[in-house]
Each structure stands twice: as structure tokens, then as C-alpha cells.
Amino acid sequence: MRISASGWARDCGTNEIADFDLGDTRVADGRATFSRNDPAISLNHHPVRRERLTGVTVNFFANLTLGGNYGFKVKLSKSEIRRLFYLTHKNEVEGFKALFPDALDGDAPDQAA
């Protein structure tokens, strides 16, 4: 995943805010601790129905010294999108695999620890 910012009205070049591989990023169920060199993905659950996953949060440290108005870009690779999809739809994927065990021969993306 790469996050960068470029000036909105006066572009003085691109500032890289973060650049790391979500495929190698640690996953935590619920709130995650993270530090300067240790980003984390948090699995967000519904406040009442804890079994329902409502989304993911990517947590990371960034030292920003930006002034003014910026346009931000977030770039995700196909493998990062696949991993985030698997983390948020694991039950559905596993249900599909159980219905059609011979249809899928590839391995699932890394699972949450």
C-alpha cells in the first residue's frame, strides 16, 4: 500500500506518507497496537453483533510536516485487495469452498493470527 500527497493548488512534488506491503502486515482482531516500524491491520466488528465484521483499519505511524491543502492517493496492489477481501469475507469464502471443494485449488491469503 502506498499513500502519497501532492499539493492541491500549488504542486511542489509528491510527499510519500507511507509505503508498505499489506500482505506482510500483522492482523489483530479488534484494536491493534502499532509503532513506527510495525503497522497493523485491525478487524472491526459490529458493536453488538461481534461475529459480524464491519471493516478493517490500517494503522501506521507517519511523521507529517505538511502545510496547506493536499490531495491524497492510496494505492493498493491486487494481492493487498485480495487479502483485505479475504479478511472481511472469510466466512463466505470458506462456505463457498465447503460447497465446491474441487473448484478451488489455490491457497487462501494469509489468515489473521
PDB file of N, CA and C in Angstrom:
ATOM      1  N   MET A   1       0.858  -1.160   0.000  1.00  0.00           N
ATOM      2  CA  MET A   1       0.000   0.000   0.000  1.00  0.00           C
ATOM      3  C   MET A   1       0.903   1.222   0.000  1.00  0.00           C
ATOM      4  N   ARG A   2       0.573   2.147  -0.854  1.00  0.00           N
ATOM      5  CA  ARG A   2       1.345   3.387  -0.916  1.00  0.00           C
ATOM      6  C   ARG A   2       0.384   4.557  -0.762  1.00  0.00           C
ATOM      7  N   ILE A   3       0.700   5.460   0.152  1.00  0.00           N
ATOM      8  CA  ILE A   3      -0.090   6.673   0.359  1.00  0.00           C
ATOM      9  C   ILE A   3       0.832   7.859   0.098  1.00  0.00           C
ATOM     10  N   SER A   4       0.384   8.732  -0.792  1.00  0.00           N
ATOM     11  CA  SER A   4       1.180   9.919  -1.109  1.00  0.00           C
ATOM     12  C   SER A   4       0.266  11.134  -1.178  1.00  0.00           C
ATOM     13  N   ALA A   5       0.878  12.306  -1.045  1.00  0.00           N
ATOM     14  CA  ALA A   5       0.129  13.560  -1.100  1.00  0.00           C
ATOM     15  C   ALA A   5       0.842  14.508  -2.050  1.00  0.00           C
ATOM     16  N   SER A   6       0.050  15.216  -2.838  1.00  0.00           N
ATOM     17  CA  SER A   6       0.573  16.245  -3.742  1.00  0.00           C
ATOM     18  C   SER A   6      -0.205  17.518  -3.495  1.00  0.00           C
ATOM     19  N   GLY A   7       0.450  18.652  -3.655  1.00  0.00           N
ATOM     20  CA  GLY A   7      -0.210  19.931  -3.422  1.00  0.00           C
ATOM     21  C   GLY A   7      -1.479  20.086  -4.241  1.00  0.00           C
ATOM     22  N   TRP A   8      -2.478  20.683  -3.655  1.00  0.00           N
ATOM     23  CA  TRP A   8      -3.773  20.854  -4.323  1.00  0.00           C
ATOM     24  C   TRP A   8      -3.725  22.046  -5.290  1.00  0.00           C
ATOM     25  N   ALA A   9      -3.383  23.216  -4.788  1.00  0.00           N
ATOM     26  CA  ALA A   9      -3.357  24.414  -5.627  1.00  0.00           C
ATOM     27  C   ALA A   9      -1.946  24.674  -6.174  1.00  0.00           C
ATOM     28  N   ARG A  10      -0.948  24.358  -5.395  1.00  0.00           N
ATOM     29  CA  ARG A  10       0.439  24.592  -5.804  1.00  0.00           C
ATOM     30  C   ARG A  10       1.219  23.304  -5.571  1.00  0.00           C
ATOM     31  N   ASP A  11       1.483  22.583  -6.629  1.00  0.00           N
ATOM     32  CA  ASP A  11       2.122  21.277  -6.514  1.00  0.00           C
ATOM     33  C   ASP A  11       3.640  21.429  -6.514  1.00  0.00           C
ATOM     34  N   CYS A  12       4.257  21.096  -5.383  1.00  0.00           N
ATOM     35  CA  CYS A  12       5.717  21.147  -5.263  1.00  0.00           C
ATOM     36  C   CYS A  12       6.301  19.741  -5.233  1.00  0.00           C
ATOM     37  N   GLY A  13       5.602  18.800  -5.834  1.00  0.00           N
ATOM     38  CA  GLY A  13       6.068  17.416  -5.848  1.00  0.00           C
ATOM     39  C   GLY A  13       5.252  16.540  -4.920  1.00  0.00           C
ATOM     40  N   THR A  14       5.504  15.270  -4.993  1.00  0.00           N
ATOM     41  CA  THR A  14       4.773  14.287  -4.201  1.00  0.00           C
ATOM     42  C   THR A  14       5.498  14.004  -2.902  1.00  0.00           C
ATOM     43  N   ASN A  15       4.751  13.975  -1.807  1.00  0.00           N
ATOM     44  CA  ASN A  15       5.275  13.587  -0.495  1.00  0.00           C
ATOM     45  C   ASN A  15       4.768  12.193  -0.181  1.00  0.00           C
ATOM     46  N   GLU A  16       5.685  11.267   0.043  1.00  0.00           N
ATOM     47  CA  GLU A  16       5.292   9.913   0.417  1.00  0.00           C
ATOM     48  C   GLU A  16       4.994   9.872   1.901  1.00  0.00           C
ATOM     49  N   ILE A  17       3.811   9.410   2.251  1.00  0.00           N
ATOM     50  CA  ILE A  17       3.394   9.335   3.650  1.00  0.00           C
ATOM     51  C   ILE A  17       3.631   7.935   4.191  1.00  0.00           C
ATOM     52  N   ALA A  18       3.327   6.912   3.400  1.00  0.00           N
ATOM     53  CA  ALA A  18       3.535   5.531   3.822  1.00  0.00           C
ATOM     54  C   ALA A  18       3.700   4.658   2.597  1.00  0.00           C
ATOM     55  N   ASP A  19       4.506   3.608   2.741  1.00  0.00           N
ATOM     56  CA  ASP A  19       4.692   2.637   1.672  1.00  0.00           C
ATOM     57  C   ASP A  19       5.109   1.320   2.313  1.00  0.00           C
ATOM     58  N   PHE A  20       4.151   0.385   2.435  1.00  0.00           N
ATOM     59  CA  PHE A  20       4.442  -0.932   2.994  1.00  0.00           C
ATOM     60  C   PHE A  20       3.478  -1.946   2.407  1.00  0.00           C
ATOM     61  N   ASP A  21       3.857  -3.208   2.479  1.00  0.00           N
ATOM     62  CA  ASP A  21       3.080  -4.292   1.898  1.00  0.00           C
ATOM     63  C   ASP A  21       2.048  -4.794   2.900  1.00  0.00           C
ATOM     64  N   LEU A  22       0.770  -4.670   2.555  1.00  0.00           N
ATOM     65  CA  LEU A  22      -0.279  -5.156   3.451  1.00  0.00           C
ATOM     66  C   LEU A  22      -0.239  -6.674   3.598  1.00  0.00           C
ATOM     67  N   GLY A  23       0.349  -7.357   2.628  1.00  0.00           N
ATOM     68  CA  GLY A  23       0.465  -8.810   2.715  1.00  0.00           C
ATOM     69  C   GLY A  23       1.354  -9.261   3.855  1.00  0.00           C
ATOM     70  N   ASP A  24       2.296  -8.415   4.240  1.00  0.00           N
ATOM     71  CA  ASP A  24       3.208  -8.742   5.340  1.00  0.00           C
ATOM     72  C   ASP A  24       2.801  -8.089   6.655  1.00  0.00           C
ATOM     73  N   THR A  25       1.688  -7.365   6.651  1.00  0.00           N
ATOM     74  CA  THR A  25       1.278  -6.602   7.829  1.00  0.00           C
ATOM     75  C   THR A  25       0.520  -7.475   8.817  1.00  0.00           C
ATOM     76  N   ARG A  26       0.858  -7.337  10.074  1.00  0.00           N
ATOM     77  CA  ARG A  26       0.238  -8.096  11.157  1.00  0.00           C
ATOM     78  C   ARG A  26      -1.247  -7.751  11.260  1.00  0.00           C
ATOM     79  N   VAL A  27      -2.075  -8.756  11.571  1.00  0.00           N
ATOM     80  CA  VAL A  27      -3.524  -8.572  11.707  1.00  0.00           C
ATOM     81  C   VAL A  27      -3.925  -8.802  13.154  1.00  0.00           C
ATOM     82  N   ALA A  28      -4.763  -7.909  13.689  1.00  0.00           N
ATOM     83  CA  ALA A  28      -5.269  -8.037  15.059  1.00  0.00           C
ATOM     84  C   ALA A  28      -6.791  -8.044  15.024  1.00  0.00           C
ATOM     85  N   ASP A  29      -7.384  -8.858  15.845  1.00  0.00           N
ATOM     86  CA  ASP A  29      -8.841  -8.924  15.940  1.00  0.00           C
ATOM     87  C   ASP A  29      -9.292  -7.845  16.919  1.00  0.00           C
ATOM     88  N   GLY A  30      -9.795  -6.740  16.401  1.00  0.00           N
ATOM     89  CA  GLY A  30     -10.168  -5.598  17.241  1.00  0.00           C
ATOM     90  C   GLY A  30      -9.059  -4.565  17.222  1.00  0.00           C
ATOM     91  N   ARG A  31      -8.943  -3.829  18.318  1.00  0.00           N
ATOM     92  CA  ARG A  31      -7.941  -2.764  18.390  1.00  0.00           C
ATOM     93  C   ARG A  31      -6.533  -3.340  18.322  1.00  0.00           C
ATOM     94  N   ALA A  32      -5.666  -2.631  17.615  1.00  0.00           N
ATOM     95  CA  ALA A  32      -4.288  -3.093  17.436  1.00  0.00           C
ATOM     96  C   ALA A  32      -3.318  -2.043  17.942  1.00  0.00           C
ATOM     97  N   THR A  33      -2.226  -2.506  18.498  1.00  0.00           N
ATOM     98  CA  THR A  33      -1.136  -1.597  18.836  1.00  0.00           C
ATOM     99  C   THR A  33      -0.185  -1.588  17.644  1.00  0.00           C
ATOM    100  N   PHE A  34       0.409  -0.442  17.389  1.00  0.00           N
ATOM    101  CA  PHE A  34       1.337  -0.316  16.274  1.00  0.00           C
ATOM    102  C   PHE A  34       2.389   0.705  16.651  1.00  0.00           C
ATOM    103  N   SER A  35       3.502   0.671  15.936  1.00  0.00           N
ATOM    104  CA  SER A  35       4.585   1.600  16.225  1.00  0.00           C
ATOM    105  C   SER A  35       5.179   2.095  14.911  1.00  0.00           C
ATOM    106  N   ARG A  36       6.249   2.844  15.013  1.00  0.00           N
ATOM    107  CA  ARG A  36       6.873   3.473  13.845  1.00  0.00           C
ATOM    108  C   ARG A  36       7.192   2.465  12.742  1.00  0.00           C
ATOM    109  N   ASN A  37       7.730   1.310  13.080  1.00  0.00           N
ATOM    110  CA  ASN A  37       8.134   0.328  12.077  1.00  0.00           C
ATOM    111  C   ASN A  37       7.277  -0.937  12.103  1.00  0.00           C
ATOM    112  N   ASP A  38       6.128  -0.868  12.741  1.00  0.00           N
ATOM    113  CA  ASP A  38       5.280  -2.055  12.875  1.00  0.00           C
ATOM    114  C   ASP A  38       3.814  -1.690  12.640  1.00  0.00           C
ATOM    115  N   PRO A  39       3.394  -1.542  11.374  1.00  0.00           N
ATOM    116  CA  PRO A  39       1.985  -1.252  11.098  1.00  0.00           C
ATOM    117  C   PRO A  39       1.120  -2.459  11.444  1.00  0.00           C
ATOM    118  N   ALA A  40      -0.183  -2.244  11.550  1.00  0.00           N
ATOM    119  CA  ALA A  40      -1.098  -3.340  11.889  1.00  0.00           C
ATOM    120  C   ALA A  40      -2.445  -3.119  11.216  1.00  0.00           C
ATOM    121  N   ILE A  41      -3.103  -4.218  10.872  1.00  0.00           N
ATOM    122  CA  ILE A  41      -4.462  -4.191  10.348  1.00  0.00           C
ATOM    123  C   ILE A  41      -5.389  -4.618  11.476  1.00  0.00           C
ATOM    124  N   SER A  42      -6.409  -3.801  11.758  1.00  0.00           N
ATOM    125  CA  SER A  42      -7.404  -4.137  12.780  1.00  0.00           C
ATOM    126  C   SER A  42      -8.679  -4.612  12.104  1.00  0.00           C
ATOM    127  N   LEU A  43      -9.226  -5.728  12.575  1.00  0.00           N
ATOM    128  CA  LEU A  43     -10.522  -6.197  12.097  1.00  0.00           C
ATOM    129  C   LEU A  43     -11.589  -5.531  12.957  1.00  0.00           C
ATOM    130  N   ASN A  44     -12.504  -4.800  12.326  1.00  0.00           N
ATOM    131  CA  ASN A  44     -13.535  -4.048  13.043  1.00  0.00           C
ATOM    132  C   ASN A  44     -14.829  -4.853  13.088  1.00  0.00           C
ATOM    133  N   HIS A  45     -15.359  -5.028  14.289  1.00  0.00           N
ATOM    134  CA  HIS A  45     -16.580  -5.797  14.487  1.00  0.00           C
ATOM    135  C   HIS A  45     -17.752  -4.882  14.818  1.00  0.00           C
ATOM    136  N   HIS A  46     -18.943  -5.360  14.517  1.00  0.00           N
ATOM    137  CA  HIS A  46     -20.169  -4.653  14.879  1.00  0.00           C
ATOM    138  C   HIS A  46     -20.202  -4.530  16.401  1.00  0.00           C
ATOM    139  N   PRO A  47     -20.631  -3.380  16.954  1.00  0.00           N
ATOM    140  CA  PRO A  47     -20.584  -3.190  18.409  1.00  0.00           C
ATOM    141  C   PRO A  47     -21.486  -4.148  19.194  1.00  0.00           C
ATOM    142  N   VAL A  48     -22.557  -4.625  18.599  1.00  0.00           N
ATOM    143  CA  VAL A  48     -23.468  -5.534  19.303  1.00  0.00           C
ATOM    144  C   VAL A  48     -23.286  -6.967  18.816  1.00  0.00           C
ATOM    145  N   ARG A  49     -23.316  -7.145  17.524  1.00  0.00           N
ATOM    146  CA  ARG A  49     -23.162  -8.478  16.934  1.00  0.00           C
ATOM    147  C   ARG A  49     -21.702  -8.689  16.577  1.00  0.00           C
ATOM    148  N   ARG A  50     -20.911  -9.061  17.576  1.00  0.00           N
ATOM    149  CA  ARG A  50     -19.459  -9.155  17.434  1.00  0.00           C
ATOM    150  C   ARG A  50     -19.027 -10.126  16.340  1.00  0.00           C
ATOM    151  N   GLU A  51     -19.884 -11.091  15.982  1.00  0.00           N
ATOM    152  CA  GLU A  51     -19.499 -12.042  14.943  1.00  0.00           C
ATOM    153  C   GLU A  51     -19.511 -11.402  13.547  1.00  0.00           C
ATOM    154  N   ARG A  52     -20.160 -10.227  13.428  1.00  0.00           N
ATOM    155  CA  ARG A  52     -20.229  -9.523  12.137  1.00  0.00           C
ATOM    156  C   ARG A  52     -19.033  -8.592  11.984  1.00  0.00           C
ATOM    157  N   LEU A  53     -18.290  -8.811  10.929  1.00  0.00           N
ATOM    158  CA  LEU A  53     -17.149  -7.954  10.623  1.00  0.00           C
ATOM    159  C   LEU A  53     -17.654  -6.789   9.784  1.00  0.00           C
ATOM    160  N   THR A  54     -17.357  -5.567  10.220  1.00  0.00           N
ATOM    161  CA  THR A  54     -17.852  -4.381   9.512  1.00  0.00           C
ATOM    162  C   THR A  54     -16.793  -3.716   8.650  1.00  0.00           C
ATOM    163  N   GLY A  55     -15.535  -4.061   8.832  1.00  0.00           N
ATOM    164  CA  GLY A  55     -14.479  -3.464   8.033  1.00  0.00           C
ATOM    165  C   GLY A  55     -13.109  -3.709   8.617  1.00  0.00           C
ATOM    166  N   VAL A  56     -12.130  -3.058   8.036  1.00  0.00           N
ATOM    167  CA  VAL A  56     -10.760  -3.146   8.519  1.00  0.00           C
ATOM    168  C   VAL A  56     -10.185  -1.737   8.640  1.00  0.00           C
ATOM    169  N   THR A  57      -9.219  -1.577   9.528  1.00  0.00           N
ATOM    170  CA  THR A  57      -8.489  -0.325   9.673  1.00  0.00           C
ATOM    171  C   THR A  57      -7.013  -0.627   9.523  1.00  0.00           C
ATOM    172  N   VAL A  58      -6.334   0.139   8.696  1.00  0.00           N
ATOM    173  CA  VAL A  58      -4.886   0.009   8.552  1.00  0.00           C
ATOM    174  C   VAL A  58      -4.264   1.084   9.438  1.00  0.00           C
ATOM    175  N   ASN A  59      -3.502   0.646  10.442  1.00  0.00           N
ATOM    176  CA  ASN A  59      -2.888   1.542  11.417  1.00  0.00           C
ATOM    177  C   ASN A  59      -1.396   1.637  11.141  1.00  0.00           C
ATOM    178  N   PHE A  60      -0.859   2.869  11.061  1.00  0.00           N
ATOM    179  CA  PHE A  60       0.566   3.040  10.840  1.00  0.00           C
ATOM    180  C   PHE A  60       0.994   4.401  11.352  1.00  0.00           C
ATOM    181  N   PHE A  61       2.293   4.547  11.558  1.00  0.00           N
ATOM    182  CA  PHE A  61       2.898   5.789  12.021  1.00  0.00           C
ATOM    183  C   PHE A  61       3.399   6.571  10.817  1.00  0.00           C
ATOM    184  N   ALA A  62       3.199   7.876  10.829  1.00  0.00           N
ATOM    185  CA  ALA A  62       3.747   8.739   9.779  1.00  0.00           C
ATOM    186  C   ALA A  62       4.122  10.078  10.390  1.00  0.00           C
ATOM    187  N   ASN A  63       5.309  10.550  10.080  1.00  0.00           N
ATOM    188  CA  ASN A  63       5.754  11.855  10.535  1.00  0.00           C
ATOM    189  C   ASN A  63       5.423  12.850   9.432  1.00  0.00           C
ATOM    190  N   LEU A  64       4.443  13.713   9.659  1.00  0.00           N
ATOM    191  CA  LEU A  64       3.977  14.642   8.638  1.00  0.00           C
ATOM    192  C   LEU A  64       4.361  16.079   8.978  1.00  0.00           C
ATOM    193  N   THR A  65       4.869  16.763   7.998  1.00  0.00           N
ATOM    194  CA  THR A  65       5.120  18.193   8.118  1.00  0.00           C
ATOM    195  C   THR A  65       4.537  18.854   6.874  1.00  0.00           C
ATOM    196  N   LEU A  66       3.249  18.670   6.696  1.00  0.00           N
ATOM    197  CA  LEU A  66       2.549  19.205   5.538  1.00  0.00           C
ATOM    198  C   LEU A  66       1.808  20.474   5.942  1.00  0.00           C
ATOM    199  N   GLY A  67       1.885  21.468   5.129  1.00  0.00           N
ATOM    200  CA  GLY A  67       1.111  22.684   5.334  1.00  0.00           C
ATOM    201  C   GLY A  67       0.333  22.972   4.066  1.00  0.00           C
ATOM    202  N   GLY A  68      -0.865  23.462   4.199  1.00  0.00           N
ATOM    203  CA  GLY A  68      -1.659  23.757   3.016  1.00  0.00           C
ATOM    204  C   GLY A  68      -2.665  22.666   2.719  1.00  0.00           C
ATOM    205  N   ASN A  69      -3.172  22.695   1.506  1.00  0.00           N
ATOM    206  CA  ASN A  69      -4.177  21.746   1.068  1.00  0.00           C
ATOM    207  C   ASN A  69      -3.530  20.704   0.164  1.00  0.00           C
ATOM    208  N   TYR A  70      -3.831  19.443   0.419  1.00  0.00           N
ATOM    209  CA  TYR A  70      -3.225  18.353  -0.335  1.00  0.00           C
ATOM    210  C   TYR A  70      -4.298  17.397  -0.838  1.00  0.00           C
ATOM    211  N   GLY A  71      -4.024  16.792  -1.975  1.00  0.00           N
ATOM    212  CA  GLY A  71      -4.820  15.681  -2.467  1.00  0.00           C
ATOM    213  C   GLY A  71      -4.077  14.399  -2.144  1.00  0.00           C
ATOM    214  N   PHE A  72      -4.756  13.428  -1.548  1.00  0.00           N
ATOM    215  CA  PHE A  72      -4.121  12.182  -1.139  1.00  0.00           C
ATOM    216  C   PHE A  72      -4.480  11.058  -2.098  1.00  0.00           C
ATOM    217  N   LYS A  73      -3.548  10.132  -2.274  1.00  0.00           N
ATOM    218  CA  LYS A  73      -3.777   8.942  -3.082  1.00  0.00           C
ATOM    219  C   LYS A  73      -3.396   7.726  -2.261  1.00  0.00           C
ATOM    220  N   VAL A  74      -4.238   6.699  -2.299  1.00  0.00           N
ATOM    221  CA  VAL A  74      -3.939   5.421  -1.664  1.00  0.00           C
ATOM    222  C   VAL A  74      -3.890   4.386  -2.780  1.00  0.00           C
ATOM    223  N   LYS A  75      -2.761   3.704  -2.903  1.00  0.00           N
ATOM    224  CA  LYS A  75      -2.608   2.684  -3.929  1.00  0.00           C
ATOM    225  C   LYS A  75      -2.507   1.323  -3.259  1.00  0.00           C
ATOM    226  N   LEU A  76      -3.372   0.403  -3.703  1.00  0.00           N
ATOM    227  CA  LEU A  76      -3.373  -0.965  -3.189  1.00  0.00           C
ATOM    228  C   LEU A  76      -3.094  -1.911  -4.342  1.00  0.00           C
ATOM    229  N   SER A  77      -2.247  -2.901  -4.105  1.00  0.00           N
ATOM    230  CA  SER A  77      -1.980  -3.904  -5.132  1.00  0.00           C
ATOM    231  C   SER A  77      -3.125  -4.914  -5.161  1.00  0.00           C
ATOM    232  N   LYS A  78      -3.188  -5.707  -6.223  1.00  0.00           N
ATOM    233  CA  LYS A  78      -4.226  -6.734  -6.319  1.00  0.00           C
ATOM    234  C   LYS A  78      -4.127  -7.720  -5.155  1.00  0.00           C
ATOM    235  N   SER A  79      -2.909  -8.093  -4.784  1.00  0.00           N
ATOM    236  CA  SER A  79      -2.761  -9.046  -3.679  1.00  0.00           C
ATOM    237  C   SER A  79      -3.198  -8.428  -2.352  1.00  0.00           C
ATOM    238  N   GLU A  80      -2.980  -7.124  -2.165  1.00  0.00           N
ATOM    239  CA  GLU A  80      -3.438  -6.464  -0.941  1.00  0.00           C
ATOM    240  C   GLU A  80      -4.963  -6.396  -0.904  1.00  0.00           C
ATOM    241  N   ILE A  81      -5.572  -6.104  -2.043  1.00  0.00           N
ATOM    242  CA  ILE A  81      -7.033  -6.075  -2.120  1.00  0.00           C
ATOM    243  C   ILE A  81      -7.590  -7.471  -1.847  1.00  0.00           C
ATOM    244  N   ARG A  82      -6.944  -8.495  -2.436  1.00  0.00           N
ATOM    245  CA  ARG A  82      -7.390  -9.873  -2.203  1.00  0.00           C
ATOM    246  C   ARG A  82      -7.318 -10.221  -0.720  1.00  0.00           C
ATOM    247  N   ARG A  83      -6.237  -9.834  -0.063  1.00  0.00           N
ATOM    248  CA  ARG A  83      -6.091 -10.154   1.358  1.00  0.00           C
ATOM    249  C   ARG A  83      -7.147  -9.425   2.194  1.00  0.00           C
ATOM    250  N   LEU A  84      -7.380  -8.148   1.918  1.00  0.00           N
ATOM    251  CA  LEU A  84      -8.405  -7.414   2.658  1.00  0.00           C
ATOM    252  C   LEU A  84      -9.789  -8.008   2.403  1.00  0.00           C
ATOM    253  N   PHE A  85     -10.061  -8.438   1.155  1.00  0.00           N
ATOM    254  CA  PHE A  85     -11.333  -9.088   0.847  1.00  0.00           C
ATOM    255  C   PHE A  85     -11.468 -10.374   1.646  1.00  0.00           C
ATOM    256  N   TYR A  86     -10.408 -11.177   1.676  1.00  0.00           N
ATOM    257  CA  TYR A  86     -10.465 -12.434   2.429  1.00  0.00           C
ATOM    258  C   TYR A  86     -10.682 -12.177   3.917  1.00  0.00           C
ATOM    259  N   LEU A  87     -10.006 -11.172   4.469  1.00  0.00           N
ATOM    260  CA  LEU A  87     -10.173 -10.883   5.901  1.00  0.00           C
ATOM    261  C   LEU A  87     -11.595 -10.446   6.225  1.00  0.00           C
ATOM    262  N   THR A  88     -12.243  -9.722   5.313  1.00  0.00           N
ATOM    263  CA  THR A  88     -13.595  -9.227   5.592  1.00  0.00           C
ATOM    264  C   THR A  88     -14.690 -10.190   5.158  1.00  0.00           C
ATOM    265  N   HIS A  89     -14.373 -11.175   4.306  1.00  0.00           N
ATOM    266  CA  HIS A  89     -15.380 -12.114   3.803  1.00  0.00           C
ATOM    267  C   HIS A  89     -14.962 -13.567   4.017  1.00  0.00           C
ATOM    268  N   LYS A  90     -14.209 -13.818   5.059  1.00  0.00           N
ATOM    269  CA  LYS A  90     -13.672 -15.149   5.314  1.00  0.00           C
ATOM    270  C   LYS A  90     -14.779 -16.200   5.419  1.00  0.00           C
ATOM    271  N   ASN A  91     -15.849 -15.898   6.135  1.00  0.00           N
ATOM    272  CA  ASN A  91     -16.924 -16.880   6.308  1.00  0.00           C
ATOM    273  C   ASN A  91     -17.564 -17.251   4.981  1.00  0.00           C
ATOM    274  N   GLU A  92     -17.795 -16.252   4.133  1.00  0.00           N
ATOM    275  CA  GLU A  92     -18.401 -16.513   2.838  1.00  0.00           C
ATOM    276  C   GLU A  92     -17.467 -17.344   1.953  1.00  0.00           C
ATOM    277  N   VAL A  93     -16.170 -17.018   1.957  1.00  0.00           N
ATOM    278  CA  VAL A  93     -15.204 -17.762   1.152  1.00  0.00           C
ATOM    279  C   VAL A  93     -15.112 -19.202   1.633  1.00  0.00           C
ATOM    280  N   GLU A  94     -15.040 -19.391   2.945  1.00  0.00           N
ATOM    281  CA  GLU A  94     -14.956 -20.749   3.490  1.00  0.00           C
ATOM    282  C   GLU A  94     -16.235 -21.529   3.190  1.00  0.00           C
ATOM    283  N   GLY A  95     -17.400 -20.871   3.245  1.00  0.00           N
ATOM    284  CA  GLY A  95     -18.664 -21.526   2.901  1.00  0.00           C
ATOM    285  C   GLY A  95     -18.689 -21.962   1.452  1.00  0.00           C
ATOM    286  N   PHE A  96     -18.195 -21.110   0.566  1.00  0.00           N
ATOM    287  CA  PHE A  96     -18.121 -21.443  -0.856  1.00  0.00           C
ATOM    288  C   PHE A  96     -17.174 -22.617  -1.073  1.00  0.00           C
ATOM    289  N   LYS A  97     -16.035 -22.581  -0.403  1.00  0.00           N
ATOM    290  CA  LYS A  97     -15.067 -23.667  -0.549  1.00  0.00           C
ATOM    291  C   LYS A  97     -15.655 -24.985  -0.054  1.00  0.00           C
ATOM    292  N   ALA A  98     -16.486 -24.942   0.990  1.00  0.00           N
ATOM    293  CA  ALA A  98     -17.104 -26.166   1.502  1.00  0.00           C
ATOM    294  C   ALA A  98     -18.133 -26.715   0.513  1.00  0.00           C
ATOM    295  N   LEU A  99     -18.847 -25.830  -0.183  1.00  0.00           N
ATOM    296  CA  LEU A  99     -19.842 -26.265  -1.161  1.00  0.00           C
ATOM    297  C   LEU A  99     -19.198 -26.869  -2.401  1.00  0.00           C
ATOM    298  N   PHE A 100     -18.060 -26.314  -2.802  1.00  0.00           N
ATOM    299  CA  PHE A 100     -17.383 -26.737  -4.027  1.00  0.00           C
ATOM    300  C   PHE A 100     -15.911 -27.039  -3.731  1.00  0.00           C
ATOM    301  N   PRO A 101     -15.634 -28.132  -3.038  1.00  0.00           N
ATOM    302  CA  PRO A 101     -14.242 -28.380  -2.618  1.00  0.00           C
ATOM    303  C   PRO A 101     -13.266 -28.580  -3.771  1.00  0.00           C
ATOM    304  N   ASP A 102     -13.743 -29.040  -4.913  1.00  0.00           N
ATOM    305  CA  ASP A 102     -12.842 -29.279  -6.042  1.00  0.00           C
ATOM    306  C   ASP A 102     -12.680 -28.062  -6.944  1.00  0.00           C
ATOM    307  N   ALA A 103     -13.510 -27.024  -6.732  1.00  0.00           N
ATOM    308  CA  ALA A 103     -13.489 -25.852  -7.614  1.00  0.00           C
ATOM    309  C   ALA A 103     -12.292 -24.948  -7.351  1.00  0.00           C
ATOM    310  N   LEU A 104     -11.829 -24.905  -6.116  1.00  0.00           N
ATOM    311  CA  LEU A 104     -10.720 -24.015  -5.759  1.00  0.00           C
ATOM    312  C   LEU A 104      -9.513 -24.856  -5.368  1.00  0.00           C
ATOM    313  N   ASP A 105      -8.426 -24.673  -6.091  1.00  0.00           N
ATOM    314  CA  ASP A 105      -7.234 -25.433  -5.745  1.00  0.00           C
ATOM    315  C   ASP A 105      -6.121 -24.560  -5.186  1.00  0.00           C
ATOM    316  N   GLY A 106      -6.291 -23.227  -5.227  1.00  0.00           N
ATOM    317  CA  GLY A 106      -5.274 -22.305  -4.695  1.00  0.00           C
ATOM    318  C   GLY A 106      -5.412 -22.134  -3.198  1.00  0.00           C
ATOM    319  N   ASP A 107      -4.358 -21.653  -2.580  1.00  0.00           N
ATOM    320  CA  ASP A 107      -4.385 -21.380  -1.153  1.00  0.00           C
ATOM    321  C   ASP A 107      -5.028 -20.041  -0.887  1.00  0.00           C
ATOM    322  N   ALA A 108      -5.700 -19.905   0.258  1.00  0.00           N
ATOM    323  CA  ALA A 108      -6.273 -18.632   0.678  1.00  0.00           C
ATOM    324  C   ALA A 108      -5.137 -17.715   1.114  1.00  0.00           C
ATOM    325  N   PRO A 109      -5.359 -16.399   1.029  1.00  0.00           N
ATOM    326  CA  PRO A 109      -4.337 -15.461   1.526  1.00  0.00           C
ATOM    327  C   PRO A 109      -4.064 -15.699   3.009  1.00  0.00           C
ATOM    328  N   ASP A 110      -2.955 -15.164   3.485  1.00  0.00           N
ATOM    329  CA  ASP A 110      -2.606 -15.311   4.901  1.00  0.00           C
ATOM    330  C   ASP A 110      -3.783 -14.958   5.770  1.00  0.00           C
ATOM    331  N   GLN A 111      -4.027 -15.769   6.784  1.00  0.00           N
ATOM    332  CA  GLN A 111      -5.137 -15.538   7.673  1.00  0.00           C
ATOM    333  C   GLN A 111      -4.686 -14.725   8.873  1.00  0.00           C
ATOM    334  N   ALA A 112      -5.673 -14.171   9.588  1.00  0.00           N
ATOM    335  CA  ALA A 112      -5.368 -13.392  10.802  1.00  0.00           C
ATOM    336  C   ALA A 112      -4.764 -14.313  11.842  1.00  0.00           C
ATOM    337  N   ALA A 113      -3.767 -13.819  12.535  1.00  0.00           N
ATOM    338  CA  ALA A 113      -3.118 -14.613  13.578  1.00  0.00           C
ATOM    339  C   ALA A 113      -3.928 -14.607  14.839  1.00  0.00           C
TER     340      ALA A 113
END
